[in-house]
Amino acid sequence: MEYHRQHFAACTARTGGRTGGQNGGVTPQPKTCRLWWAAPADASPALLDLLDPAEQQRHARFRLRADRDRYLVAHALARLAVARETGCGPAEVSFTLRCRACERRTEPRPRAEPHGKPVPDGAAAGLEISYSHSGERVLLALARGVALGADVERISAERDTDGLADYCLTPAERRDLERVPAERRTEGFFGYWARKEALLKATGDGISGGLAEVGVSGPFDTAAVVAWDSARAPEHAWLTDLDAGPGYRAALAALSAHPLAIETRDAAELLAPYGPKAAPGRC
């Protein structure tokens, strides 16, 4: 559901949170967002050749194989999807990492490695991507001409969700979560988190942009942005939940005044040419 910063309250009263276009109320043709779902088990040694040197170094620093595999599949899949979209080879795909928080700093802040939102450049300029991984899920979103954010979260009762709620939820969200039946409260928390992180990925701020500054609808209600308490809030934002299967919550956000048309693609088609699953210890 869309968020409009300046006229949100009035638009909600008239249209239930949705507004028409500026050409006589006719909504323009929606932009398309393509989604790919994959799994850490799709990792293979051949995929490593698709990563640039900085990504290969980062991949090697992960201590656990599961973390290495999630990272490898997400980053390789991004290059393959962008290459398919632009008609070039994966080796020709490059990304510039941009962190809005760092760009706003008046004094340089040392950082051990490049970080931020991956922005396709070169032949892929104009495309937008966002990837996320958690547990057995790897998610990639791709669109043209609209900023995206995607997030998937494994629902884990091992996390200190009570402590995290104080950090990332608004007072209204905490009250709503307390009203959720106890057996669904953990899932509700991760529903909030996935929505908020997707929105902050779309802006390029990431979670440092302030999870508690963004207010969204109840975790089991239709996804919507209901408040954004920041001078940096975008003019428009659209938000929807994604079905990641049992045990997961996922969301997609776009800085758009209108919904996106979502197409789900087969990640196996892109990954299969790069060989069978790796033997233990290879990736």
Protein backbone atom coordinates (compact mmCIF):
# COMPACT_ATOMS: atom_id res chain seq x y z
CA MET A 1 0.00 0.00 0.00
CA GLU A 2 1.24 3.48 -0.86
CA TYR A 3 2.44 6.22 1.48
CA HIS A 4 2.32 9.88 0.47
CA ARG A 5 4.20 12.12 2.89
CA GLN A 6 2.53 15.51 2.47
CA HIS A 7 -1.07 14.42 1.99
CA PHE A 8 -1.16 11.02 3.66
CA ALA A 9 -3.96 11.70 6.13
CA ALA A 10 -6.24 13.36 3.58
CA CYS A 11 -5.63 10.70 0.93
CA THR A 12 -6.31 7.92 3.41
CA ALA A 13 -9.62 9.48 4.38
CA ARG A 14 -10.69 9.71 0.72
CA THR A 15 -9.32 6.49 -0.76
CA GLY A 16 -8.27 4.10 1.99
CA GLY A 17 -4.60 4.82 1.45
CA ARG A 18 -4.54 4.67 -2.35
CA THR A 19 -4.49 7.60 -4.72
CA GLY A 20 -4.91 7.91 -8.45
CA GLY A 21 -2.51 9.40 -10.93
CA GLN A 22 -2.26 13.04 -11.92
CA ASN A 23 -3.81 12.57 -15.36
CA GLY A 24 -7.46 12.87 -14.45
CA GLY A 25 -7.31 10.18 -11.77
CA VAL A 26 -6.08 7.45 -14.14
CA THR A 27 -3.36 5.30 -12.59
CA PRO A 28 -0.42 4.87 -14.98
CA GLN A 29 0.77 1.48 -16.18
CA PRO A 30 2.56 -0.11 -13.19
CA LYS A 31 6.29 -0.71 -13.26
CA THR A 32 7.31 -4.36 -13.10
CA CYS A 33 9.39 -5.86 -10.30
CA ARG A 34 10.90 -9.29 -10.89
CA LEU A 35 11.57 -11.55 -7.93
CA TRP A 36 13.86 -14.57 -7.71
CA TRP A 37 13.81 -16.99 -4.77
CA ALA A 38 16.80 -19.27 -4.20
CA ALA A 39 18.41 -21.22 -1.35
CA PRO A 40 21.88 -21.57 0.16
CA ALA A 41 21.91 -25.12 -1.22
CA ASP A 42 22.21 -23.56 -4.70
CA ALA A 43 25.79 -22.51 -3.89
CA SER A 44 28.54 -24.00 -6.05
CA PRO A 45 32.25 -23.27 -6.59
CA ALA A 46 31.57 -21.98 -10.12
CA LEU A 47 29.47 -19.15 -8.71
CA LEU A 48 32.54 -17.73 -6.97
CA ASP A 49 33.94 -16.71 -10.35
CA LEU A 50 30.97 -14.35 -10.78
CA LEU A 51 31.90 -12.28 -7.72
CA ASP A 52 34.29 -9.34 -7.97
CA PRO A 53 37.49 -9.40 -5.88
CA ALA A 54 35.99 -7.44 -2.99
CA GLU A 55 33.00 -9.79 -2.83
CA GLN A 56 35.28 -12.84 -2.94
CA GLN A 57 37.28 -11.46 -0.03
CA ARG A 58 34.12 -10.77 1.97
CA HIS A 59 32.82 -14.26 1.18
CA ALA A 60 36.05 -15.83 2.45
CA ARG A 61 35.79 -14.00 5.79
CA PHE A 62 32.52 -15.68 6.80
CA ARG A 63 33.29 -18.32 9.41
CA LEU A 64 30.21 -20.50 8.86
CA ARG A 65 29.57 -22.23 5.58
CA ALA A 66 25.85 -21.40 5.75
CA ASP A 67 26.69 -17.69 5.83
CA ARG A 68 29.13 -18.09 2.95
CA ASP A 69 26.54 -19.94 0.88
CA ARG A 70 23.79 -17.37 1.48
CA TYR A 71 26.13 -14.52 0.56
CA LEU A 72 27.43 -16.32 -2.54
CA VAL A 73 24.02 -17.20 -3.92
CA ALA A 74 22.61 -13.69 -3.35
CA HIS A 75 25.51 -11.87 -4.99
CA ALA A 76 25.92 -14.29 -7.89
CA LEU A 77 22.19 -14.30 -8.55
CA ALA A 78 22.19 -10.48 -8.66
CA ARG A 79 24.88 -10.47 -11.36
CA LEU A 80 23.15 -13.16 -13.40
CA ALA A 81 19.76 -11.44 -13.25
CA VAL A 82 21.17 -8.02 -14.16
CA ALA A 83 23.16 -9.58 -17.01
CA ARG A 84 20.01 -11.27 -18.33
CA GLU A 85 18.08 -8.01 -18.10
CA THR A 86 20.71 -5.98 -19.97
CA GLY A 87 21.81 -8.61 -22.47
CA CYS A 88 25.46 -8.60 -21.37
CA GLY A 89 27.72 -11.14 -19.73
CA PRO A 90 27.86 -11.46 -15.92
CA ALA A 91 31.49 -10.36 -15.96
CA GLU A 92 30.40 -7.03 -17.45
CA VAL A 93 28.02 -6.31 -14.56
CA SER A 94 29.29 -3.96 -11.87
CA PHE A 95 27.75 -2.25 -8.88
CA THR A 96 28.49 0.95 -7.00
CA LEU A 97 27.79 0.71 -3.27
CA ARG A 98 26.07 3.80 -1.89
CA CYS A 99 25.31 4.54 1.75
CA ARG A 100 23.09 7.56 2.27
CA ALA A 101 24.10 7.82 5.93
CA CYS A 102 27.77 8.13 4.99
CA GLU A 103 27.01 10.59 2.19
CA ARG A 104 25.33 12.87 4.74
CA ARG A 105 28.32 12.91 7.08
CA THR A 106 30.25 16.16 7.21
CA GLU A 107 33.41 14.40 8.37
CA PRO A 108 34.84 11.24 6.80
CA ARG A 109 34.33 8.11 8.85
CA PRO A 110 36.84 5.29 8.39
CA ARG A 111 35.26 2.04 7.25
CA ALA A 112 36.98 -1.30 6.82
CA GLU A 113 35.23 -2.18 3.59
CA PRO A 114 32.83 -0.73 0.99
CA HIS A 115 29.20 -0.94 2.05
CA GLY A 116 25.75 0.34 1.21
CA LYS A 117 23.04 -0.25 -1.35
CA PRO A 118 24.23 -1.93 -4.59
CA VAL A 119 23.47 0.32 -7.56
CA PRO A 120 23.98 -1.22 -11.03
CA ASP A 121 26.11 0.92 -13.31
CA GLY A 122 27.57 0.79 -16.83
CA ALA A 123 25.22 -0.97 -19.24
CA ALA A 124 22.86 -1.71 -16.33
CA ALA A 125 22.45 1.92 -15.24
CA GLY A 126 18.80 2.61 -14.45
CA LEU A 127 18.13 -0.82 -12.99
CA GLU A 128 17.47 -1.15 -9.27
CA ILE A 129 18.07 -4.27 -7.22
CA SER A 130 17.74 -5.39 -3.63
CA TYR A 131 18.71 -8.74 -2.14
CA SER A 132 18.21 -10.40 1.21
CA HIS A 133 18.89 -13.77 2.78
CA SER A 134 17.94 -15.53 5.99
CA GLY A 135 17.83 -19.18 6.96
CA GLU A 136 17.03 -21.21 3.84
CA ARG A 137 15.80 -18.28 1.78
CA VAL A 138 17.64 -16.01 -0.66
CA LEU A 139 15.60 -13.22 -2.29
CA LEU A 140 16.44 -10.89 -5.17
CA ALA A 141 14.23 -8.06 -6.44
CA LEU A 142 14.90 -6.15 -9.67
CA ALA A 143 13.08 -3.29 -11.41
CA ARG A 144 13.86 -0.40 -13.73
CA GLY A 145 13.53 3.23 -12.74
CA VAL A 146 12.21 2.79 -9.20
CA ALA A 147 14.15 2.39 -5.95
CA LEU A 148 13.55 -1.00 -4.31
CA GLY A 149 14.03 -2.64 -0.97
CA ALA A 150 13.43 -6.33 -0.19
CA ASP A 151 13.85 -8.24 3.05
CA VAL A 152 13.25 -11.79 4.23
CA GLU A 153 13.52 -12.90 7.84
CA ARG A 154 13.48 -16.36 9.39
CA ILE A 155 11.11 -16.39 12.36
CA SER A 156 13.31 -17.29 15.32
CA ALA A 157 12.16 -17.64 18.90
CA GLU A 158 15.83 -17.56 19.92
CA ARG A 159 16.09 -13.83 19.23
CA ASP A 160 15.45 -11.32 22.02
CA THR A 161 12.43 -9.83 20.29
CA ASP A 162 11.28 -8.04 23.45
CA GLY A 163 14.56 -6.13 23.63
CA LEU A 164 14.60 -5.49 19.89
CA ALA A 165 11.02 -4.20 19.98
CA ASP A 166 12.10 -1.29 22.18
CA TYR A 167 14.74 -0.43 19.57
CA CYS A 168 12.82 -0.78 16.33
CA LEU A 169 9.07 -0.41 16.97
CA THR A 170 7.02 2.72 17.51
CA PRO A 171 4.92 2.97 20.69
CA ALA A 172 1.77 2.20 18.65
CA GLU A 173 3.42 -0.86 17.10
CA ARG A 174 4.51 -2.15 20.50
CA ARG A 175 0.95 -1.80 21.80
CA ASP A 176 -0.42 -3.61 18.73
CA LEU A 177 2.13 -6.39 19.10
CA GLU A 178 1.20 -6.89 22.77
CA ARG A 179 -2.38 -7.53 21.64
CA VAL A 180 -1.27 -10.33 19.28
CA PRO A 181 -1.78 -13.85 20.76
CA ALA A 182 1.41 -15.00 22.46
CA GLU A 183 1.93 -17.91 20.06
CA ARG A 184 2.04 -15.52 17.07
CA ARG A 185 3.92 -12.63 18.67
CA THR A 186 7.36 -13.65 17.42
CA GLU A 187 6.07 -13.96 13.87
CA GLY A 188 4.43 -10.56 14.24
CA PHE A 189 7.69 -8.98 15.32
CA PHE A 190 9.56 -10.33 12.29
CA GLY A 191 6.72 -9.11 10.07
CA TYR A 192 7.33 -5.61 11.40
CA TRP A 193 11.09 -5.96 10.96
CA ALA A 194 10.90 -7.22 7.35
CA ARG A 195 8.61 -4.36 6.31
CA LYS A 196 10.72 -1.68 7.96
CA GLU A 197 14.04 -2.99 6.67
CA ALA A 198 12.61 -3.25 3.14
CA LEU A 199 11.57 0.41 3.31
CA LEU A 200 14.95 1.58 4.63
CA LYS A 201 16.75 -0.47 1.98
CA ALA A 202 14.66 1.29 -0.65
CA THR A 203 15.78 4.71 0.60
CA GLY A 204 19.40 3.55 0.78
CA ASP A 205 19.65 4.25 4.51
CA GLY A 206 19.54 0.68 5.74
CA ILE A 207 18.61 -0.01 9.34
CA SER A 208 20.86 2.84 10.47
CA GLY A 209 18.16 5.08 9.01
CA GLY A 210 16.02 4.49 12.09
CA LEU A 211 13.63 1.54 12.26
CA ALA A 212 11.54 3.24 14.92
CA GLU A 213 11.07 6.32 12.73
CA VAL A 214 8.98 4.28 10.29
CA GLY A 215 5.47 3.25 11.31
CA VAL A 216 3.71 0.42 9.49
CA SER A 217 0.38 -1.32 9.82
CA GLY A 218 -0.23 -4.23 12.18
CA PRO A 219 1.84 -7.33 11.37
CA PHE A 220 -1.17 -9.37 10.26
CA ASP A 221 -2.95 -6.49 8.52
CA THR A 222 -2.44 -5.46 4.90
CA ALA A 223 1.04 -3.97 4.64
CA ALA A 224 1.02 -0.16 4.64
CA VAL A 225 3.18 2.74 5.77
CA VAL A 226 1.22 4.78 8.30
CA ALA A 227 3.89 7.26 9.48
CA TRP A 228 7.48 8.30 8.80
CA ASP A 229 8.88 10.54 11.52
CA SER A 230 11.92 11.89 9.71
CA ALA A 231 12.81 14.93 7.65
CA ARG A 232 14.42 12.44 5.22
CA ALA A 233 11.17 10.55 4.62
CA PRO A 234 10.54 9.88 0.92
CA GLU A 235 7.73 11.63 -0.92
CA HIS A 236 6.11 8.30 -1.78
CA ALA A 237 6.51 4.72 -0.59
CA TRP A 238 4.73 1.51 -1.53
CA LEU A 239 4.87 -1.60 0.62
CA THR A 240 3.66 -5.18 0.32
CA ASP A 241 4.22 -8.48 2.10
CA LEU A 242 5.74 -11.41 0.19
CA ASP A 243 5.02 -15.11 0.72
CA ALA A 244 8.32 -16.70 1.75
CA GLY A 245 6.71 -19.89 3.03
CA PRO A 246 6.18 -21.21 6.56
CA GLY A 247 8.61 -19.95 9.17
CA TYR A 248 9.48 -16.73 7.33
CA ARG A 249 8.26 -13.16 6.85
CA ALA A 250 9.24 -11.07 3.84
CA ALA A 251 8.39 -7.70 2.36
CA LEU A 252 9.02 -5.59 -0.74
CA ALA A 253 9.09 -1.78 -0.77
CA ALA A 254 9.45 0.79 -3.55
CA LEU A 255 9.72 4.57 -3.58
CA SER A 256 6.70 4.83 -5.83
CA ALA A 257 3.30 6.49 -5.71
CA HIS A 258 1.76 3.41 -7.31
CA PRO A 259 1.90 -0.37 -6.81
CA LEU A 260 4.39 -2.45 -8.73
CA ALA A 261 3.42 -5.45 -10.85
CA ILE A 262 5.30 -8.42 -9.39
CA GLU A 263 6.62 -11.27 -11.51
CA THR A 264 8.26 -14.27 -9.84
CA ARG A 265 11.02 -15.92 -11.89
CA ASP A 266 12.82 -19.25 -11.63
CA ALA A 267 16.25 -18.75 -10.03
CA ALA A 268 17.24 -22.30 -10.98
CA GLU A 269 17.22 -21.27 -14.64
CA LEU A 270 19.96 -18.71 -13.93
CA LEU A 271 21.97 -20.77 -11.45
CA ALA A 272 21.84 -24.24 -13.04
CA PRO A 273 24.51 -23.61 -15.72
CA TYR A 274 27.06 -23.01 -12.97
CA GLY A 275 27.22 -26.61 -11.92
CA PRO A 276 25.96 -29.02 -9.29
CA LYS A 277 25.96 -28.32 -5.60
CA ALA A 278 29.41 -27.91 -4.17
CA ALA A 279 31.09 -30.63 -2.19
CA PRO A 280 31.43 -29.95 1.58
CA GLY A 281 33.99 -27.30 2.34
CA ARG A 282 34.36 -26.08 -1.24
CA CYS A 283 32.22 -22.89 -1.06
